[in-house]
Amino acid sequence: MSPDVVELIAPVLALTGVGAMVLIGMKMRYTHLQRTRHGGGGEDVARLTENVETLREEVRMLRGEYLELHERVDFAERVLTRGNPPDAKS
């Protein structure tokens, strides 16, 4: 190809690519606006809220179990540090 043809084609291809990216972006934005305007995201928000509440409840349960386990470990440490009295049988 001659340099004149390349000089003519390169800007046309660049502008076509930029135009295509702009059109794709506009289509994605329009689709997003239509979905949110018609309440398409409401179901997702309700599901996410329910999941968050479930996770919060599980964290509360785990904290309770952790505290109970911590108390048991403290008790076991106190018993072990006290030591066992010698058996009368030995």
PDB file of N, CA and C in Angstrom:
ATOM      1  N   MET A   1       0.832  -1.175   0.000  1.00  0.00           N
ATOM      2  CA  MET A   1       0.000   0.000   0.000  1.00  0.00           C
ATOM      3  C   MET A   1       0.881   1.244   0.000  1.00  0.00           C
ATOM      4  N   SER A   2       0.362   2.242  -0.615  1.00  0.00           N
ATOM      5  CA  SER A   2       1.132   3.481  -0.663  1.00  0.00           C
ATOM      6  C   SER A   2       0.910   4.266   0.621  1.00  0.00           C
ATOM      7  N   PRO A   3       1.837   5.096   1.025  1.00  0.00           N
ATOM      8  CA  PRO A   3       1.708   5.886   2.253  1.00  0.00           C
ATOM      9  C   PRO A   3       0.494   6.804   2.244  1.00  0.00           C
ATOM     10  N   ASP A   4       0.068   7.244   1.076  1.00  0.00           N
ATOM     11  CA  ASP A   4      -1.101   8.115   1.000  1.00  0.00           C
ATOM     12  C   ASP A   4      -2.365   7.377   1.425  1.00  0.00           C
ATOM     13  N   VAL A   5      -2.484   6.126   1.027  1.00  0.00           N
ATOM     14  CA  VAL A   5      -3.664   5.328   1.386  1.00  0.00           C
ATOM     15  C   VAL A   5      -3.666   5.052   2.888  1.00  0.00           C
ATOM     16  N   VAL A   6      -2.507   4.731   3.447  1.00  0.00           N
ATOM     17  CA  VAL A   6      -2.395   4.461   4.873  1.00  0.00           C
ATOM     18  C   VAL A   6      -2.734   5.714   5.669  1.00  0.00           C
ATOM     19  N   GLU A   7      -2.275   6.875   5.204  1.00  0.00           N
ATOM     20  CA  GLU A   7      -2.595   8.130   5.881  1.00  0.00           C
ATOM     21  C   GLU A   7      -4.080   8.425   5.850  1.00  0.00           C
ATOM     22  N   LEU A   8      -4.781   7.935   4.858  1.00  0.00           N
ATOM     23  CA  LEU A   8      -6.215   8.154   4.745  1.00  0.00           C
ATOM     24  C   LEU A   8      -6.998   7.128   5.572  1.00  0.00           C
ATOM     25  N   ILE A   9      -6.562   5.887   5.587  1.00  0.00           N
ATOM     26  CA  ILE A   9      -7.292   4.812   6.267  1.00  0.00           C
ATOM     27  C   ILE A   9      -7.098   4.857   7.781  1.00  0.00           C
ATOM     28  N   ALA A  10      -5.931   5.177   8.276  1.00  0.00           N
ATOM     29  CA  ALA A  10      -5.653   5.148   9.719  1.00  0.00           C
ATOM     30  C   ALA A  10      -6.596   6.043  10.517  1.00  0.00           C
ATOM     31  N   PRO A  11      -6.808   7.299  10.151  1.00  0.00           N
ATOM     32  CA  PRO A  11      -7.746   8.121  10.933  1.00  0.00           C
ATOM     33  C   PRO A  11      -9.189   7.624  10.853  1.00  0.00           C
ATOM     34  N   VAL A  12      -9.570   7.097   9.706  1.00  0.00           N
ATOM     35  CA  VAL A  12     -10.934   6.575   9.552  1.00  0.00           C
ATOM     36  C   VAL A  12     -11.138   5.385  10.486  1.00  0.00           C
ATOM     37  N   LEU A  13     -10.170   4.481  10.546  1.00  0.00           N
ATOM     38  CA  LEU A  13     -10.277   3.325  11.442  1.00  0.00           C
ATOM     39  C   LEU A  13     -10.278   3.765  12.905  1.00  0.00           C
ATOM     40  N   ALA A  14      -9.455   4.756  13.234  1.00  0.00           N
ATOM     41  CA  ALA A  14      -9.409   5.236  14.616  1.00  0.00           C
ATOM     42  C   ALA A  14     -10.735   5.861  15.016  1.00  0.00           C
ATOM     43  N   LEU A  15     -11.298   6.683  14.156  1.00  0.00           N
ATOM     44  CA  LEU A  15     -12.585   7.316  14.457  1.00  0.00           C
ATOM     45  C   LEU A  15     -13.708   6.289  14.532  1.00  0.00           C
ATOM     46  N   THR A  16     -13.654   5.281  13.700  1.00  0.00           N
ATOM     47  CA  THR A  16     -14.663   4.220  13.740  1.00  0.00           C
ATOM     48  C   THR A  16     -14.580   3.465  15.061  1.00  0.00           C
ATOM     49  N   GLY A  17     -13.376   3.164  15.517  1.00  0.00           N
ATOM     50  CA  GLY A  17     -13.203   2.470  16.795  1.00  0.00           C
ATOM     51  C   GLY A  17     -13.696   3.296  17.964  1.00  0.00           C
ATOM     52  N   VAL A  18     -13.359   4.578  17.975  1.00  0.00           N
ATOM     53  CA  VAL A  18     -13.811   5.456  19.055  1.00  0.00           C
ATOM     54  C   VAL A  18     -15.329   5.570  19.031  1.00  0.00           C
ATOM     55  N   GLY A  19     -15.892   5.723  17.844  1.00  0.00           N
ATOM     56  CA  GLY A  19     -17.351   5.818  17.725  1.00  0.00           C
ATOM     57  C   GLY A  19     -18.043   4.556  18.218  1.00  0.00           C
ATOM     58  N   ALA A  20     -17.484   3.413  17.910  1.00  0.00           N
ATOM     59  CA  ALA A  20     -18.067   2.144  18.361  1.00  0.00           C
ATOM     60  C   ALA A  20     -18.008   2.045  19.878  1.00  0.00           C
ATOM     61  N   MET A  21     -16.897   2.463  20.480  1.00  0.00           N
ATOM     62  CA  MET A  21     -16.794   2.417  21.946  1.00  0.00           C
ATOM     63  C   MET A  21     -17.806   3.355  22.595  1.00  0.00           C
ATOM     64  N   VAL A  22     -18.003   4.530  21.999  1.00  0.00           N
ATOM     65  CA  VAL A  22     -18.982   5.477  22.547  1.00  0.00           C
ATOM     66  C   VAL A  22     -20.386   4.897  22.455  1.00  0.00           C
ATOM     67  N   LEU A  23     -20.725   4.300  21.340  1.00  0.00           N
ATOM     68  CA  LEU A  23     -22.057   3.722  21.168  1.00  0.00           C
ATOM     69  C   LEU A  23     -22.287   2.554  22.130  1.00  0.00           C
ATOM     70  N   ILE A  24     -21.282   1.723  22.322  1.00  0.00           N
ATOM     71  CA  ILE A  24     -21.409   0.605  23.260  1.00  0.00           C
ATOM     72  C   ILE A  24     -21.604   1.129  24.674  1.00  0.00           C
ATOM     73  N   GLY A  25     -20.838   2.144  25.052  1.00  0.00           N
ATOM     74  CA  GLY A  25     -20.994   2.733  26.382  1.00  0.00           C
ATOM     75  C   GLY A  25     -22.375   3.330  26.580  1.00  0.00           C
ATOM     76  N   MET A  26     -22.884   4.020  25.553  1.00  0.00           N
ATOM     77  CA  MET A  26     -24.226   4.606  25.651  1.00  0.00           C
ATOM     78  C   MET A  26     -25.284   3.520  25.790  1.00  0.00           C
ATOM     79  N   LYS A  27     -25.139   2.433  25.063  1.00  0.00           N
ATOM     80  CA  LYS A  27     -26.100   1.321  25.148  1.00  0.00           C
ATOM     81  C   LYS A  27     -26.071   0.699  26.540  1.00  0.00           C
ATOM     82  N   MET A  28     -24.875   0.515  27.088  1.00  0.00           N
ATOM     83  CA  MET A  28     -24.773  -0.069  28.433  1.00  0.00           C
ATOM     84  C   MET A  28     -25.405   0.856  29.465  1.00  0.00           C
ATOM     85  N   ARG A  29     -25.176   2.154  29.352  1.00  0.00           N
ATOM     86  CA  ARG A  29     -25.758   3.124  30.286  1.00  0.00           C
ATOM     87  C   ARG A  29     -27.274   3.145  30.159  1.00  0.00           C
ATOM     88  N   TYR A  30     -27.790   3.126  28.935  1.00  0.00           N
ATOM     89  CA  TYR A  30     -29.234   3.130  28.710  1.00  0.00           C
ATOM     90  C   TYR A  30     -29.873   1.884  29.317  1.00  0.00           C
ATOM     91  N   THR A  31     -29.250   0.730  29.110  1.00  0.00           N
ATOM     92  CA  THR A  31     -29.774  -0.512  29.667  1.00  0.00           C
ATOM     93  C   THR A  31     -29.776  -0.463  31.189  1.00  0.00           C
ATOM     94  N   HIS A  32     -28.714   0.061  31.770  1.00  0.00           N
ATOM     95  CA  HIS A  32     -28.642   0.176  33.226  1.00  0.00           C
ATOM     96  C   HIS A  32     -29.733   1.110  33.754  1.00  0.00           C
ATOM     97  N   LEU A  33     -29.916   2.247  33.101  1.00  0.00           N
ATOM     98  CA  LEU A  33     -30.952   3.191  33.537  1.00  0.00           C
ATOM     99  C   LEU A  33     -32.340   2.583  33.430  1.00  0.00           C
ATOM    100  N   GLN A  34     -32.604   1.845  32.366  1.00  0.00           N
ATOM    101  CA  GLN A  34     -33.915   1.215  32.204  1.00  0.00           C
ATOM    102  C   GLN A  34     -34.168   0.179  33.302  1.00  0.00           C
ATOM    103  N   ARG A  35     -33.135  -0.593  33.623  1.00  0.00           N
ATOM    104  CA  ARG A  35     -33.280  -1.606  34.667  1.00  0.00           C
ATOM    105  C   ARG A  35     -33.554  -0.979  36.026  1.00  0.00           C
ATOM    106  N   THR A  36     -32.808   0.063  36.349  1.00  0.00           N
ATOM    107  CA  THR A  36     -32.980   0.690  37.665  1.00  0.00           C
ATOM    108  C   THR A  36     -34.246   1.526  37.727  1.00  0.00           C
ATOM    109  N   ARG A  37     -34.643   2.118  36.624  1.00  0.00           N
ATOM    110  CA  ARG A  37     -35.843   2.947  36.603  1.00  0.00           C
ATOM    111  C   ARG A  37     -37.098   2.105  36.796  1.00  0.00           C
ATOM    112  N   HIS A  38     -37.096   0.905  36.272  1.00  0.00           N
ATOM    113  CA  HIS A  38     -38.265   0.036  36.371  1.00  0.00           C
ATOM    114  C   HIS A  38     -38.202  -0.909  37.561  1.00  0.00           C
ATOM    115  N   GLY A  39     -37.310  -0.677  38.466  1.00  0.00           N
ATOM    116  CA  GLY A  39     -37.240  -1.471  39.691  1.00  0.00           C
ATOM    117  C   GLY A  39     -36.645  -2.843  39.511  1.00  0.00           C
ATOM    118  N   GLY A  40     -35.873  -3.047  38.476  1.00  0.00           N
ATOM    119  CA  GLY A  40     -35.264  -4.354  38.255  1.00  0.00           C
ATOM    120  C   GLY A  40     -34.262  -4.718  39.330  1.00  0.00           C
ATOM    121  N   GLY A  41     -33.699  -3.722  40.014  1.00  0.00           N
ATOM    122  CA  GLY A  41     -32.701  -3.992  41.033  1.00  0.00           C
ATOM    123  C   GLY A  41     -33.300  -4.224  42.403  1.00  0.00           C
ATOM    124  N   GLY A  42     -34.610  -4.035  42.581  1.00  0.00           N
ATOM    125  CA  GLY A  42     -35.242  -4.175  43.884  1.00  0.00           C
ATOM    126  C   GLY A  42     -35.153  -5.575  44.452  1.00  0.00           C
ATOM    127  N   GLU A  43     -35.281  -6.564  43.584  1.00  0.00           N
ATOM    128  CA  GLU A  43     -35.197  -7.952  44.037  1.00  0.00           C
ATOM    129  C   GLU A  43     -33.792  -8.267  44.536  1.00  0.00           C
ATOM    130  N   ASP A  44     -32.807  -7.725  43.832  1.00  0.00           N
ATOM    131  CA  ASP A  44     -31.421  -7.948  44.243  1.00  0.00           C
ATOM    132  C   ASP A  44     -31.151  -7.309  45.597  1.00  0.00           C
ATOM    133  N   VAL A  45     -31.685  -6.115  45.816  1.00  0.00           N
ATOM    134  CA  VAL A  45     -31.478  -5.421  47.085  1.00  0.00           C
ATOM    135  C   VAL A  45     -32.123  -6.209  48.216  1.00  0.00           C
ATOM    136  N   ALA A  46     -33.328  -6.719  47.992  1.00  0.00           N
ATOM    137  CA  ALA A  46     -34.006  -7.508  49.028  1.00  0.00           C
ATOM    138  C   ALA A  46     -33.224  -8.779  49.339  1.00  0.00           C
ATOM    139  N   ARG A  47     -32.713  -9.426  48.308  1.00  0.00           N
ATOM    140  CA  ARG A  47     -31.939 -10.659  48.511  1.00  0.00           C
ATOM    141  C   ARG A  47     -30.648 -10.358  49.259  1.00  0.00           C
ATOM    142  N   LEU A  48     -29.981  -9.272  48.885  1.00  0.00           N
ATOM    143  CA  LEU A  48     -28.743  -8.903  49.579  1.00  0.00           C
ATOM    144  C   LEU A  48     -29.000  -8.528  51.027  1.00  0.00           C
ATOM    145  N   THR A  49     -30.098  -7.815  51.279  1.00  0.00           N
ATOM    146  CA  THR A  49     -30.441  -7.452  52.657  1.00  0.00           C
ATOM    147  C   THR A  49     -30.692  -8.706  53.483  1.00  0.00           C
ATOM    148  N   GLU A  50     -31.388  -9.659  52.919  1.00  0.00           N
ATOM    149  CA  GLU A  50     -31.647 -10.920  53.627  1.00  0.00           C
ATOM    150  C   GLU A  50     -30.340 -11.665  53.902  1.00  0.00           C
ATOM    151  N   ASN A  51     -29.436 -11.678  52.924  1.00  0.00           N
ATOM    152  CA  ASN A  51     -28.145 -12.341  53.121  1.00  0.00           C
ATOM    153  C   ASN A  51     -27.327 -11.663  54.216  1.00  0.00           C
ATOM    154  N   VAL A  52     -27.364 -10.342  54.263  1.00  0.00           N
ATOM    155  CA  VAL A  52     -26.621  -9.615  55.288  1.00  0.00           C
ATOM    156  C   VAL A  52     -27.186  -9.942  56.667  1.00  0.00           C
ATOM    157  N   GLU A  53     -28.494  -9.975  56.797  1.00  0.00           N
ATOM    158  CA  GLU A  53     -29.106 -10.307  58.089  1.00  0.00           C
ATOM    159  C   GLU A  53     -28.748 -11.729  58.511  1.00  0.00           C
ATOM    160  N   THR A  54     -28.742 -12.650  57.570  1.00  0.00           N
ATOM    161  CA  THR A  54     -28.359 -14.030  57.875  1.00  0.00           C
ATOM    162  C   THR A  54     -26.918 -14.079  58.370  1.00  0.00           C
ATOM    163  N   LEU A  55     -26.034 -13.357  57.696  1.00  0.00           N
ATOM    164  CA  LEU A  55     -24.625 -13.336  58.106  1.00  0.00           C
ATOM    165  C   LEU A  55     -24.459 -12.701  59.481  1.00  0.00           C
ATOM    166  N   ARG A  56     -25.223 -11.649  59.768  1.00  0.00           N
ATOM    167  CA  ARG A  56     -25.138 -11.026  61.086  1.00  0.00           C
ATOM    168  C   ARG A  56     -25.558 -11.997  62.177  1.00  0.00           C
ATOM    169  N   GLU A  57     -26.599 -12.757  61.929  1.00  0.00           N
ATOM    170  CA  GLU A  57     -27.060 -13.737  62.914  1.00  0.00           C
ATOM    171  C   GLU A  57     -26.000 -14.819  63.126  1.00  0.00           C
ATOM    172  N   GLU A  58     -25.379 -15.263  62.044  1.00  0.00           N
ATOM    173  CA  GLU A  58     -24.328 -16.273  62.177  1.00  0.00           C
ATOM    174  C   GLU A  58     -23.143 -15.725  62.967  1.00  0.00           C
ATOM    175  N   VAL A  59     -22.790 -14.461  62.763  1.00  0.00           N
ATOM    176  CA  VAL A  59     -21.689 -13.856  63.519  1.00  0.00           C
ATOM    177  C   VAL A  59     -22.053 -13.788  65.000  1.00  0.00           C
ATOM    178  N   ARG A  60     -23.320 -13.442  65.312  1.00  0.00           N
ATOM    179  CA  ARG A  60     -23.742 -13.419  66.713  1.00  0.00           C
ATOM    180  C   ARG A  60     -23.603 -14.805  67.347  1.00  0.00           C
ATOM    181  N   MET A  61     -24.009 -15.848  66.615  1.00  0.00           N
ATOM    182  CA  MET A  61     -23.891 -17.212  67.136  1.00  0.00           C
ATOM    183  C   MET A  61     -22.426 -17.580  67.343  1.00  0.00           C
ATOM    184  N   LEU A  62     -21.569 -17.246  66.388  1.00  0.00           N
ATOM    185  CA  LEU A  62     -20.152 -17.569  66.504  1.00  0.00           C
ATOM    186  C   LEU A  62     -19.506 -16.836  67.671  1.00  0.00           C
ATOM    187  N   ARG A  63     -19.917 -15.594  67.909  1.00  0.00           N
ATOM    188  CA  ARG A  63     -19.382 -14.864  69.061  1.00  0.00           C
ATOM    189  C   ARG A  63     -19.775 -15.544  70.363  1.00  0.00           C
ATOM    190  N   GLY A  64     -21.023 -16.006  70.445  1.00  0.00           N
ATOM    191  CA  GLY A  64     -21.461 -16.725  71.643  1.00  0.00           C
ATOM    192  C   GLY A  64     -20.666 -17.996  71.855  1.00  0.00           C
ATOM    193  N   GLU A  65     -20.467 -18.746  70.775  1.00  0.00           N
ATOM    194  CA  GLU A  65     -19.676 -19.972  70.883  1.00  0.00           C
ATOM    195  C   GLU A  65     -18.230 -19.661  71.265  1.00  0.00           C
ATOM    196  N   TYR A  66     -17.691 -18.575  70.721  1.00  0.00           N
ATOM    197  CA  TYR A  66     -16.324 -18.178  71.056  1.00  0.00           C
ATOM    198  C   TYR A  66     -16.214 -17.833  72.539  1.00  0.00           C
ATOM    199  N   LEU A  67     -17.168 -17.074  73.050  1.00  0.00           N
ATOM    200  CA  LEU A  67     -17.120 -16.707  74.466  1.00  0.00           C
ATOM    201  C   LEU A  67     -17.225 -17.936  75.366  1.00  0.00           C
ATOM    202  N   GLU A  68     -18.091 -18.879  74.990  1.00  0.00           N
ATOM    203  CA  GLU A  68     -18.225 -20.107  75.782  1.00  0.00           C
ATOM    204  C   GLU A  68     -16.915 -20.897  75.748  1.00  0.00           C
ATOM    205  N   LEU A  69     -16.315 -21.016  74.580  1.00  0.00           N
ATOM    206  CA  LEU A  69     -15.050 -21.732  74.460  1.00  0.00           C
ATOM    207  C   LEU A  69     -13.948 -21.036  75.259  1.00  0.00           C
ATOM    208  N   HIS A  70     -13.944 -19.709  75.237  1.00  0.00           N
ATOM    209  CA  HIS A  70     -12.955 -18.947  75.989  1.00  0.00           C
ATOM    210  C   HIS A  70     -13.090 -19.205  77.495  1.00  0.00           C
ATOM    211  N   GLU A  71     -14.321 -19.251  77.974  1.00  0.00           N
ATOM    212  CA  GLU A  71     -14.547 -19.543  79.391  1.00  0.00           C
ATOM    213  C   GLU A  71     -14.050 -20.939  79.744  1.00  0.00           C
ATOM    214  N   ARG A  72     -14.280 -21.894  78.870  1.00  0.00           N
ATOM    215  CA  ARG A  72     -13.826 -23.264  79.137  1.00  0.00           C
ATOM    216  C   ARG A  72     -12.305 -23.344  79.165  1.00  0.00           C
ATOM    217  N   VAL A  73     -11.647 -22.650  78.253  1.00  0.00           N
ATOM    218  CA  VAL A  73     -10.186 -22.654  78.223  1.00  0.00           C
ATOM    219  C   VAL A  73      -9.643 -22.007  79.500  1.00  0.00           C
ATOM    220  N   ASP A  74     -10.253 -20.884  79.920  1.00  0.00           N
ATOM    221  CA  ASP A  74      -9.824 -20.241  81.168  1.00  0.00           C
ATOM    222  C   ASP A  74      -9.975 -21.187  82.351  1.00  0.00           C
ATOM    223  N   PHE A  75     -11.092 -21.900  82.410  1.00  0.00           N
ATOM    224  CA  PHE A  75     -11.313 -22.839  83.502  1.00  0.00           C
ATOM    225  C   PHE A  75     -10.259 -23.946  83.472  1.00  0.00           C
ATOM    226  N   ALA A  76     -10.001 -24.486  82.276  1.00  0.00           N
ATOM    227  CA  ALA A  76      -9.010 -25.556  82.160  1.00  0.00           C
ATOM    228  C   ALA A  76      -7.622 -25.056  82.565  1.00  0.00           C
ATOM    229  N   GLU A  77      -7.275 -23.838  82.208  1.00  0.00           N
ATOM    230  CA  GLU A  77      -5.973 -23.285  82.605  1.00  0.00           C
ATOM    231  C   GLU A  77      -5.884 -23.135  84.123  1.00  0.00           C
ATOM    232  N   ARG A  78      -6.964 -22.688  84.755  1.00  0.00           N
ATOM    233  CA  ARG A  78      -6.949 -22.538  86.219  1.00  0.00           C
ATOM    234  C   ARG A  78      -6.784 -23.889  86.899  1.00  0.00           C
ATOM    235  N   VAL A  79      -7.474 -24.902  86.406  1.00  0.00           N
ATOM    236  CA  VAL A  79      -7.361 -26.238  86.996  1.00  0.00           C
ATOM    237  C   VAL A  79      -5.950 -26.776  86.814  1.00  0.00           C
ATOM    238  N   LEU A  80      -5.373 -26.581  85.635  1.00  0.00           N
ATOM    239  CA  LEU A  80      -4.030 -27.106  85.377  1.00  0.00           C
ATOM    240  C   LEU A  80      -2.962 -26.358  86.167  1.00  0.00           C
ATOM    241  N   THR A  81      -3.117 -25.077  86.377  1.00  0.00           N
ATOM    242  CA  THR A  81      -2.113 -24.336  87.140  1.00  0.00           C
ATOM    243  C   THR A  81      -2.195 -24.637  88.624  1.00  0.00           C
ATOM    244  N   ARG A  82      -3.371 -25.012  89.107  1.00  0.00           N
ATOM    245  CA  ARG A  82      -3.515 -25.386  90.521  1.00  0.00           C
ATOM    246  C   ARG A  82      -2.744 -26.660  90.811  1.00  0.00           C
ATOM    247  N   GLY A  83      -2.686 -27.526  89.848  1.00  0.00           N
ATOM    248  CA  GLY A  83      -2.003 -28.803  90.031  1.00  0.00           C
ATOM    249  C   GLY A  83      -2.900 -29.797  90.741  1.00  0.00           C
ATOM    250  N   ASN A  84      -2.589 -31.055  90.570  1.00  0.00           N
ATOM    251  CA  ASN A  84      -3.367 -32.121  91.212  1.00  0.00           C
ATOM    252  C   ASN A  84      -2.719 -32.503  92.521  1.00  0.00           C
ATOM    253  N   PRO A  85      -3.484 -32.660  93.575  1.00  0.00           N
ATOM    254  CA  PRO A  85      -2.903 -33.160  94.816  1.00  0.00           C
ATOM    255  C   PRO A  85      -2.477 -34.607  94.640  1.00  0.00           C
ATOM    256  N   PRO A  86      -1.448 -35.025  95.351  1.00  0.00           N
ATOM    257  CA  PRO A  86      -0.996 -36.425  95.201  1.00  0.00           C
ATOM    258  C   PRO A  86      -2.103 -37.385  95.661  1.00  0.00           C
ATOM    259  N   ASP A  87      -2.212 -38.491  94.934  1.00  0.00           N
ATOM    260  CA  ASP A  87      -3.212 -39.502  95.269  1.00  0.00           C
ATOM    261  C   ASP A  87      -2.794 -40.210  96.574  1.00  0.00           C
ATOM    262  N   ALA A  88      -3.794 -40.596  97.311  1.00  0.00           N
ATOM    263  CA  ALA A  88      -3.533 -41.325  98.562  1.00  0.00           C
ATOM    264  C   ALA A  88      -3.072 -42.743  98.269  1.00  0.00           C
ATOM    265  N   LYS A  89      -3.442 -43.282  97.087  1.00  0.00           N
ATOM    266  CA  LYS A  89      -3.114 -44.650  96.732  1.00  0.00           C
ATOM    267  C   LYS A  89      -1.643 -44.787  96.334  1.00  0.00           C
ATOM    268  N   SER A  90      -0.999 -43.771  95.823  1.00  0.00           N
ATOM    269  CA  SER A  90       0.373 -43.875  95.323  1.00  0.00           C
ATOM    270  C   SER A  90       1.358 -44.033  96.442  1.00  0.00           C
TER     271      SER A  90
END
